[in-house]
């Protein structure tokens, strides 16, 4: 892994992500971060999520609300790794 690495992951919005107002619920955004971080560990650190004796942590996160998103929108979840 390099000293600093950036990665973007494309995510698809699921019907269950939408709230009663028809847009993605605020708390769901953080599940996208979790998916991006875990996929990064699987792809780049060979993490076996079923059998590994370790877990990955997101130690800092930030989310700026720009506009509502809803099914069938697509999003990109960004990830910055510092070592």
PDB file of N, CA and C in Angstrom:
ATOM      1  N   UNK A   1       0.846  -1.164   0.000  1.00  0.00           N
ATOM      2  CA  UNK A   1       0.000   0.000   0.000  1.00  0.00           C
ATOM      3  C   UNK A   1       0.898   1.235   0.000  1.00  0.00           C
ATOM      4  N   UNK A   2       0.527   2.235  -0.762  1.00  0.00           N
ATOM      5  CA  UNK A   2       1.281   3.475  -0.805  1.00  0.00           C
ATOM      6  C   UNK A   2       1.027   4.280   0.464  1.00  0.00           C
ATOM      7  N   UNK A   3       1.808   5.334   0.627  1.00  0.00           N
ATOM      8  CA  UNK A   3       1.661   6.181   1.800  1.00  0.00           C
ATOM      9  C   UNK A   3       0.270   6.804   1.867  1.00  0.00           C
ATOM     10  N   UNK A   4      -0.244   7.176   0.729  1.00  0.00           N
ATOM     11  CA  UNK A   4      -1.600   7.727   0.675  1.00  0.00           C
ATOM     12  C   UNK A   4      -2.259   7.214  -0.589  1.00  0.00           C
ATOM     13  N   UNK A   5      -3.465   6.701  -0.465  1.00  0.00           N
ATOM     14  CA  UNK A   5      -4.138   6.083  -1.599  1.00  0.00           C
ATOM     15  C   UNK A   5      -5.594   6.525  -1.628  1.00  0.00           C
ATOM     16  N   UNK A   6      -6.083   6.876  -2.798  1.00  0.00           N
ATOM     17  CA  UNK A   6      -7.481   7.274  -2.987  1.00  0.00           C
ATOM     18  C   UNK A   6      -8.195   6.217  -3.808  1.00  0.00           C
ATOM     19  N   UNK A   7      -9.464   6.041  -3.532  1.00  0.00           N
ATOM     20  CA  UNK A   7     -10.239   5.096  -4.311  1.00  0.00           C
ATOM     21  C   UNK A   7     -11.698   5.520  -4.312  1.00  0.00           C
ATOM     22  N   UNK A   8     -12.362   5.331  -5.443  1.00  0.00           N
ATOM     23  CA  UNK A   8     -13.793   5.581  -5.559  1.00  0.00           C
ATOM     24  C   UNK A   8     -14.485   4.260  -5.835  1.00  0.00           C
ATOM     25  N   UNK A   9     -15.617   4.047  -5.188  1.00  0.00           N
ATOM     26  CA  UNK A   9     -16.425   2.858  -5.415  1.00  0.00           C
ATOM     27  C   UNK A   9     -17.803   3.285  -5.879  1.00  0.00           C
ATOM     28  N   UNK A  10     -18.296   2.649  -6.915  1.00  0.00           N
ATOM     29  CA  UNK A  10     -19.658   2.900  -7.369  1.00  0.00           C
ATOM     30  C   UNK A  10     -20.608   2.047  -6.546  1.00  0.00           C
ATOM     31  N   UNK A  11     -21.687   2.649  -6.127  1.00  0.00           N
ATOM     32  CA  UNK A  11     -22.694   1.965  -5.326  1.00  0.00           C
ATOM     33  C   UNK A  11     -24.044   2.113  -6.002  1.00  0.00           C
ATOM     34  N   UNK A  12     -24.848   1.096  -5.898  1.00  0.00           N
ATOM     35  CA  UNK A  12     -26.223   1.167  -6.376  1.00  0.00           C
ATOM     36  C   UNK A  12     -27.149   1.348  -5.182  1.00  0.00           C
ATOM     37  N   UNK A  13     -28.114   2.203  -5.338  1.00  0.00           N
ATOM     38  CA  UNK A  13     -29.089   2.425  -4.278  1.00  0.00           C
ATOM     39  C   UNK A  13     -30.124   1.320  -4.328  1.00  0.00           C
ATOM     40  N   UNK A  14     -30.448   0.789  -3.151  1.00  0.00           N
ATOM     41  CA  UNK A  14     -31.457  -0.266  -3.043  1.00  0.00           C
ATOM     42  C   UNK A  14     -32.789   0.349  -2.612  1.00  0.00           C
ATOM     43  N   UNK A  15     -33.875  -0.309  -2.931  1.00  0.00           N
ATOM     44  CA  UNK A  15     -35.196   0.179  -2.547  1.00  0.00           C
ATOM     45  C   UNK A  15     -35.278   0.395  -1.034  1.00  0.00           C
ATOM     46  N   UNK A  16     -34.666  -0.475  -0.257  1.00  0.00           N
ATOM     47  CA  UNK A  16     -34.729  -0.357   1.201  1.00  0.00           C
ATOM     48  C   UNK A  16     -33.946   0.844   1.735  1.00  0.00           C
ATOM     49  N   UNK A  17     -33.106   1.471   0.898  1.00  0.00           N
ATOM     50  CA  UNK A  17     -32.372   2.666   1.309  1.00  0.00           C
ATOM     51  C   UNK A  17     -33.277   3.896   1.403  1.00  0.00           C
ATOM     52  N   UNK A  18     -34.389   3.870   0.684  1.00  0.00           N
ATOM     53  CA  UNK A  18     -35.304   5.010   0.650  1.00  0.00           C
ATOM     54  C   UNK A  18     -36.174   5.056   1.903  1.00  0.00           C
ATOM     55  N   UNK A  19     -36.445   6.271   2.384  1.00  0.00           N
ATOM     56  CA  UNK A  19     -37.344   6.430   3.521  1.00  0.00           C
ATOM     57  C   UNK A  19     -38.756   6.754   3.032  1.00  0.00           C
ATOM     58  N   UNK A  20     -39.645   7.087   3.943  1.00  0.00           N
ATOM     59  CA  UNK A  20     -41.039   7.327   3.555  1.00  0.00           C
ATOM     60  C   UNK A  20     -41.204   8.565   2.677  1.00  0.00           C
ATOM     61  N   UNK A  21     -40.172   9.416   2.634  1.00  0.00           N
ATOM     62  CA  UNK A  21     -40.224  10.618   1.799  1.00  0.00           C
ATOM     63  C   UNK A  21     -39.699  10.365   0.390  1.00  0.00           C
ATOM     64  N   UNK A  22     -39.248   9.129   0.130  1.00  0.00           N
ATOM     65  CA  UNK A  22     -38.819   8.761  -1.216  1.00  0.00           C
ATOM     66  C   UNK A  22     -37.369   9.044  -1.530  1.00  0.00           C
ATOM     67  N   UNK A  23     -36.570   9.399  -0.521  1.00  0.00           N
ATOM     68  CA  UNK A  23     -35.144   9.599  -0.768  1.00  0.00           C
ATOM     69  C   UNK A  23     -34.338   8.796   0.246  1.00  0.00           C
ATOM     70  N   UNK A  24     -33.052   8.676  -0.003  1.00  0.00           N
ATOM     71  CA  UNK A  24     -32.191   7.887   0.867  1.00  0.00           C
ATOM     72  C   UNK A  24     -32.148   8.519   2.258  1.00  0.00           C
ATOM     73  N   UNK A  25     -32.375   7.692   3.270  1.00  0.00           N
ATOM     74  CA  UNK A  25     -32.338   8.132   4.650  1.00  0.00           C
ATOM     75  C   UNK A  25     -30.919   8.526   5.040  1.00  0.00           C
ATOM     76  N   UNK A  26     -30.774   9.565   5.860  1.00  0.00           N
ATOM     77  CA  UNK A  26     -29.455  10.083   6.228  1.00  0.00           C
ATOM     78  C   UNK A  26     -28.504   9.014   6.759  1.00  0.00           C
ATOM     79  N   UNK A  27     -28.960   8.119   7.575  1.00  0.00           N
ATOM     80  CA  UNK A  27     -28.087   7.118   8.184  1.00  0.00           C
ATOM     81  C   UNK A  27     -27.534   6.138   7.149  1.00  0.00           C
ATOM     82  N   UNK A  28     -28.212   5.959   6.045  1.00  0.00           N
ATOM     83  CA  UNK A  28     -27.786   5.009   5.016  1.00  0.00           C
ATOM     84  C   UNK A  28     -26.484   5.449   4.354  1.00  0.00           C
ATOM     85  N   UNK A  29     -26.229   6.756   4.292  1.00  0.00           N
ATOM     86  CA  UNK A  29     -24.985   7.225   3.677  1.00  0.00           C
ATOM     87  C   UNK A  29     -23.769   6.581   4.336  1.00  0.00           C
ATOM     88  N   UNK A  30     -23.825   6.419   5.650  1.00  0.00           N
ATOM     89  CA  UNK A  30     -22.689   5.830   6.353  1.00  0.00           C
ATOM     90  C   UNK A  30     -22.544   4.337   6.068  1.00  0.00           C
ATOM     91  N   UNK A  31     -23.609   3.669   5.691  1.00  0.00           N
ATOM     92  CA  UNK A  31     -23.477   2.266   5.279  1.00  0.00           C
ATOM     93  C   UNK A  31     -22.723   2.178   3.951  1.00  0.00           C
ATOM     94  N   UNK A  32     -22.853   3.209   3.105  1.00  0.00           N
ATOM     95  CA  UNK A  32     -22.074   3.237   1.862  1.00  0.00           C
ATOM     96  C   UNK A  32     -20.582   3.371   2.178  1.00  0.00           C
ATOM     97  N   UNK A  33     -20.245   4.198   3.183  1.00  0.00           N
ATOM     98  CA  UNK A  33     -18.841   4.325   3.598  1.00  0.00           C
ATOM     99  C   UNK A  33     -18.306   2.983   4.093  1.00  0.00           C
ATOM    100  N   UNK A  34     -19.122   2.306   4.893  1.00  0.00           N
ATOM    101  CA  UNK A  34     -18.724   1.010   5.435  1.00  0.00           C
ATOM    102  C   UNK A  34     -18.475   0.008   4.311  1.00  0.00           C
ATOM    103  N   UNK A  35     -19.346  -0.019   3.318  1.00  0.00           N
ATOM    104  CA  UNK A  35     -19.174  -0.923   2.179  1.00  0.00           C
ATOM    105  C   UNK A  35     -17.898  -0.594   1.411  1.00  0.00           C
ATOM    106  N   UNK A  36     -17.636   0.683   1.171  1.00  0.00           N
ATOM    107  CA  UNK A  36     -16.429   1.087   0.441  1.00  0.00           C
ATOM    108  C   UNK A  36     -15.164   0.689   1.219  1.00  0.00           C
ATOM    109  N   UNK A  37     -15.160   0.912   2.525  1.00  0.00           N
ATOM    110  CA  UNK A  37     -13.985   0.569   3.335  1.00  0.00           C
ATOM    111  C   UNK A  37     -13.744  -0.937   3.364  1.00  0.00           C
ATOM    112  N   UNK A  38     -14.796  -1.715   3.548  1.00  0.00           N
ATOM    113  CA  UNK A  38     -14.628  -3.168   3.581  1.00  0.00           C
ATOM    114  C   UNK A  38     -14.214  -3.725   2.227  1.00  0.00           C
ATOM    115  N   UNK A  39     -14.778  -3.183   1.150  1.00  0.00           N
ATOM    116  CA  UNK A  39     -14.387  -3.650  -0.177  1.00  0.00           C
ATOM    117  C   UNK A  39     -12.928  -3.323  -0.450  1.00  0.00           C
ATOM    118  N   UNK A  40     -12.463  -2.164   0.015  1.00  0.00           N
ATOM    119  CA  UNK A  40     -11.058  -1.805  -0.128  1.00  0.00           C
ATOM    120  C   UNK A  40     -10.174  -2.825   0.599  1.00  0.00           C
ATOM    121  N   UNK A  41     -10.534  -3.182   1.823  1.00  0.00           N
ATOM    122  CA  UNK A  41      -9.742  -4.159   2.582  1.00  0.00           C
ATOM    123  C   UNK A  41      -9.748  -5.535   1.918  1.00  0.00           C
ATOM    124  N   UNK A  42     -10.860  -5.911   1.343  1.00  0.00           N
ATOM    125  CA  UNK A  42     -10.942  -7.188   0.626  1.00  0.00           C
ATOM    126  C   UNK A  42     -10.056  -7.157  -0.616  1.00  0.00           C
ATOM    127  N   UNK A  43     -10.139  -6.062  -1.381  1.00  0.00           N
ATOM    128  CA  UNK A  43      -9.404  -5.960  -2.640  1.00  0.00           C
ATOM    129  C   UNK A  43      -7.908  -5.738  -2.461  1.00  0.00           C
ATOM    130  N   UNK A  44      -7.513  -4.961  -1.437  1.00  0.00           N
ATOM    131  CA  UNK A  44      -6.117  -4.535  -1.325  1.00  0.00           C
ATOM    132  C   UNK A  44      -5.353  -5.140  -0.149  1.00  0.00           C
ATOM    133  N   UNK A  45      -6.056  -5.650   0.832  1.00  0.00           N
ATOM    134  CA  UNK A  45      -5.383  -6.229   1.995  1.00  0.00           C
ATOM    135  C   UNK A  45      -5.741  -7.705   2.167  1.00  0.00           C
ATOM    136  N   UNK A  46      -6.441  -8.252   1.171  1.00  0.00           N
ATOM    137  CA  UNK A  46      -6.832  -9.659   1.166  1.00  0.00           C
ATOM    138  C   UNK A  46      -7.577 -10.065   2.433  1.00  0.00           C
ATOM    139  N   UNK A  47      -8.422  -9.165   2.933  1.00  0.00           N
ATOM    140  CA  UNK A  47      -9.207  -9.453   4.126  1.00  0.00           C
ATOM    141  C   UNK A  47     -10.244 -10.521   3.819  1.00  0.00           C
ATOM    142  N   UNK A  48     -10.272 -11.551   4.622  1.00  0.00           N
ATOM    143  CA  UNK A  48     -11.290 -12.592   4.545  1.00  0.00           C
ATOM    144  C   UNK A  48     -12.318 -12.277   5.631  1.00  0.00           C
ATOM    145  N   UNK A  49     -13.414 -11.630   5.254  1.00  0.00           N
ATOM    146  CA  UNK A  49     -14.375 -11.139   6.240  1.00  0.00           C
ATOM    147  C   UNK A  49     -15.037 -12.253   7.042  1.00  0.00           C
ATOM    148  N   UNK A  50     -15.036 -13.461   6.527  1.00  0.00           N
ATOM    149  CA  UNK A  50     -15.659 -14.570   7.239  1.00  0.00           C
ATOM    150  C   UNK A  50     -14.723 -15.212   8.271  1.00  0.00           C
ATOM    151  N   UNK A  51     -13.403 -15.186   7.998  1.00  0.00           N
ATOM    152  CA  UNK A  51     -12.474 -15.951   8.833  1.00  0.00           C
ATOM    153  C   UNK A  51     -11.324 -15.162   9.435  1.00  0.00           C
ATOM    154  N   UNK A  52     -11.173 -13.903   9.085  1.00  0.00           N
ATOM    155  CA  UNK A  52     -10.021 -13.128   9.558  1.00  0.00           C
ATOM    156  C   UNK A  52     -10.129 -12.844  11.058  1.00  0.00           C
ATOM    157  N   UNK A  53      -8.993 -12.905  11.764  1.00  0.00           N
ATOM    158  CA  UNK A  53      -9.004 -12.585  13.198  1.00  0.00           C
ATOM    159  C   UNK A  53      -8.937 -11.078  13.449  1.00  0.00           C
ATOM    160  N   UNK A  54      -8.943 -10.273  12.380  1.00  0.00           N
ATOM    161  CA  UNK A  54      -8.870  -8.818  12.517  1.00  0.00           C
ATOM    162  C   UNK A  54     -10.088  -8.181  11.857  1.00  0.00           C
ATOM    163  N   UNK A  55     -10.328  -6.923  12.175  1.00  0.00           N
ATOM    164  CA  UNK A  55     -11.396  -6.148  11.544  1.00  0.00           C
ATOM    165  C   UNK A  55     -10.825  -4.807  11.114  1.00  0.00           C
ATOM    166  N   UNK A  56     -11.472  -4.175  10.162  1.00  0.00           N
ATOM    167  CA  UNK A  56     -11.059  -2.845   9.727  1.00  0.00           C
ATOM    168  C   UNK A  56     -11.920  -1.796  10.404  1.00  0.00           C
ATOM    169  N   UNK A  57     -11.337  -0.627  10.648  1.00  0.00           N
ATOM    170  CA  UNK A  57     -12.066   0.476  11.264  1.00  0.00           C
ATOM    171  C   UNK A  57     -11.981   1.723  10.397  1.00  0.00           C
ATOM    172  N   UNK A  58     -13.070   2.430  10.292  1.00  0.00           N
ATOM    173  CA  UNK A  58     -13.066   3.763   9.706  1.00  0.00           C
ATOM    174  C   UNK A  58     -12.932   4.707  10.900  1.00  0.00           C
ATOM    175  N   UNK A  59     -11.783   5.355  11.009  1.00  0.00           N
ATOM    176  CA  UNK A  59     -11.519   6.171  12.197  1.00  0.00           C
ATOM    177  C   UNK A  59     -11.952   7.623  12.044  1.00  0.00           C
ATOM    178  N   UNK A  60     -12.281   8.026  10.835  1.00  0.00           N
ATOM    179  CA  UNK A  60     -12.767   9.371  10.613  1.00  0.00           C
ATOM    180  C   UNK A  60     -13.646   9.359   9.375  1.00  0.00           C
ATOM    181  N   UNK A  61     -14.758  10.044   9.432  1.00  0.00           N
ATOM    182  CA  UNK A  61     -15.623  10.126   8.260  1.00  0.00           C
ATOM    183  C   UNK A  61     -16.292  11.492   8.241  1.00  0.00           C
ATOM    184  N   UNK A  62     -16.747  11.858   7.053  1.00  0.00           N
ATOM    185  CA  UNK A  62     -17.387  13.151   6.877  1.00  0.00           C
ATOM    186  C   UNK A  62     -18.370  13.042   5.718  1.00  0.00           C
ATOM    187  N   UNK A  63     -19.512  13.657   5.867  1.00  0.00           N
ATOM    188  CA  UNK A  63     -20.517  13.607   4.816  1.00  0.00           C
ATOM    189  C   UNK A  63     -21.138  14.987   4.664  1.00  0.00           C
ATOM    190  N   UNK A  64     -21.049  15.555   3.458  1.00  0.00           N
ATOM    191  CA  UNK A  64     -21.699  16.820   3.147  1.00  0.00           C
ATOM    192  C   UNK A  64     -22.950  16.536   2.331  1.00  0.00           C
ATOM    193  N   UNK A  65     -24.091  17.000   2.810  1.00  0.00           N
ATOM    194  CA  UNK A  65     -25.331  16.833   2.076  1.00  0.00           C
ATOM    195  C   UNK A  65     -25.387  17.872   0.977  1.00  0.00           C
ATOM    196  N   UNK A  66     -25.517  17.434  -0.260  1.00  0.00           N
ATOM    197  CA  UNK A  66     -25.586  18.347  -1.399  1.00  0.00           C
ATOM    198  C   UNK A  66     -26.998  18.375  -1.974  1.00  0.00           C
ATOM    199  N   UNK A  67     -27.543  17.192  -2.215  1.00  0.00           N
ATOM    200  CA  UNK A  67     -28.917  17.099  -2.706  1.00  0.00           C
ATOM    201  C   UNK A  67     -29.428  15.690  -2.427  1.00  0.00           C
ATOM    202  N   UNK A  68     -30.747  15.506  -2.397  1.00  0.00           N
ATOM    203  CA  UNK A  68     -31.294  14.180  -2.130  1.00  0.00           C
ATOM    204  C   UNK A  68     -30.940  13.194  -3.242  1.00  0.00           C
ATOM    205  N   UNK A  69     -30.804  11.951  -2.876  1.00  0.00           N
ATOM    206  CA  UNK A  69     -30.656  10.871  -3.856  1.00  0.00           C
ATOM    207  C   UNK A  69     -31.730   9.829  -3.572  1.00  0.00           C
ATOM    208  N   UNK A  70     -32.101   9.089  -4.597  1.00  0.00           N
ATOM    209  CA  UNK A  70     -33.155   8.083  -4.462  1.00  0.00           C
ATOM    210  C   UNK A  70     -32.961   7.017  -5.529  1.00  0.00           C
ATOM    211  N   UNK A  71     -33.616   5.908  -5.339  1.00  0.00           N
ATOM    212  CA  UNK A  71     -33.624   4.839  -6.328  1.00  0.00           C
ATOM    213  C   UNK A  71     -34.170   5.417  -7.635  1.00  0.00           C
ATOM    214  N   UNK A  72     -33.558   5.235  -8.759  1.00  0.00           N
ATOM    215  CA  UNK A  72     -32.453   4.359  -9.148  1.00  0.00           C
ATOM    216  C   UNK A  72     -31.110   5.079  -9.293  1.00  0.00           C
ATOM    217  N   UNK A  73     -30.889   6.165  -8.535  1.00  0.00           N
ATOM    218  CA  UNK A  73     -29.628   6.904  -8.648  1.00  0.00           C
ATOM    219  C   UNK A  73     -28.421   6.014  -8.336  1.00  0.00           C
ATOM    220  N   UNK A  74     -27.276   6.423  -8.837  1.00  0.00           N
ATOM    221  CA  UNK A  74     -25.992   5.776  -8.546  1.00  0.00           C
ATOM    222  C   UNK A  74     -25.148   6.773  -7.767  1.00  0.00           C
ATOM    223  N   UNK A  75     -24.284   6.277  -6.904  1.00  0.00           N
ATOM    224  CA  UNK A  75     -23.392   7.152  -6.150  1.00  0.00           C
ATOM    225  C   UNK A  75     -21.963   6.639  -6.247  1.00  0.00           C
ATOM    226  N   UNK A  76     -21.027   7.506  -5.900  1.00  0.00           N
ATOM    227  CA  UNK A  76     -19.630   7.119  -5.747  1.00  0.00           C
ATOM    228  C   UNK A  76     -19.244   7.385  -4.306  1.00  0.00           C
ATOM    229  N   UNK A  77     -18.686   6.379  -3.647  1.00  0.00           N
ATOM    230  CA  UNK A  77     -18.192   6.531  -2.278  1.00  0.00           C
ATOM    231  C   UNK A  77     -16.686   6.632  -2.338  1.00  0.00           C
ATOM    232  N   UNK A  78     -16.136   7.724  -1.828  1.00  0.00           N
ATOM    233  CA  UNK A  78     -14.688   7.945  -1.878  1.00  0.00           C
ATOM    234  C   UNK A  78     -14.006   7.442  -0.621  1.00  0.00           C
ATOM    235  N   UNK A  79     -12.749   7.051  -0.797  1.00  0.00           N
ATOM    236  CA  UNK A  79     -11.976   6.501   0.301  1.00  0.00           C
ATOM    237  C   UNK A  79     -10.552   7.023   0.202  1.00  0.00           C
ATOM    238  N   UNK A  80     -10.004   7.504   1.301  1.00  0.00           N
ATOM    239  CA  UNK A  80      -8.621   7.951   1.372  1.00  0.00           C
ATOM    240  C   UNK A  80      -7.946   7.136   2.458  1.00  0.00           C
ATOM    241  N   UNK A  81      -6.840   6.480   2.114  1.00  0.00           N
ATOM    242  CA  UNK A  81      -6.091   5.665   3.072  1.00  0.00           C
ATOM    243  C   UNK A  81      -4.777   6.340   3.347  1.00  0.00           C
ATOM    244  N   UNK A  82      -4.482   6.581   4.616  1.00  0.00           N
ATOM    245  CA  UNK A  82      -3.195   7.122   5.024  1.00  0.00           C
ATOM    246  C   UNK A  82      -2.524   6.094   5.913  1.00  0.00           C
ATOM    247  N   UNK A  83      -1.235   5.955   5.739  1.00  0.00           N
ATOM    248  CA  UNK A  83      -0.508   4.961   6.519  1.00  0.00           C
ATOM    249  C   UNK A  83       0.513   5.632   7.392  1.00  0.00           C
TER     250      UNK A  83
END
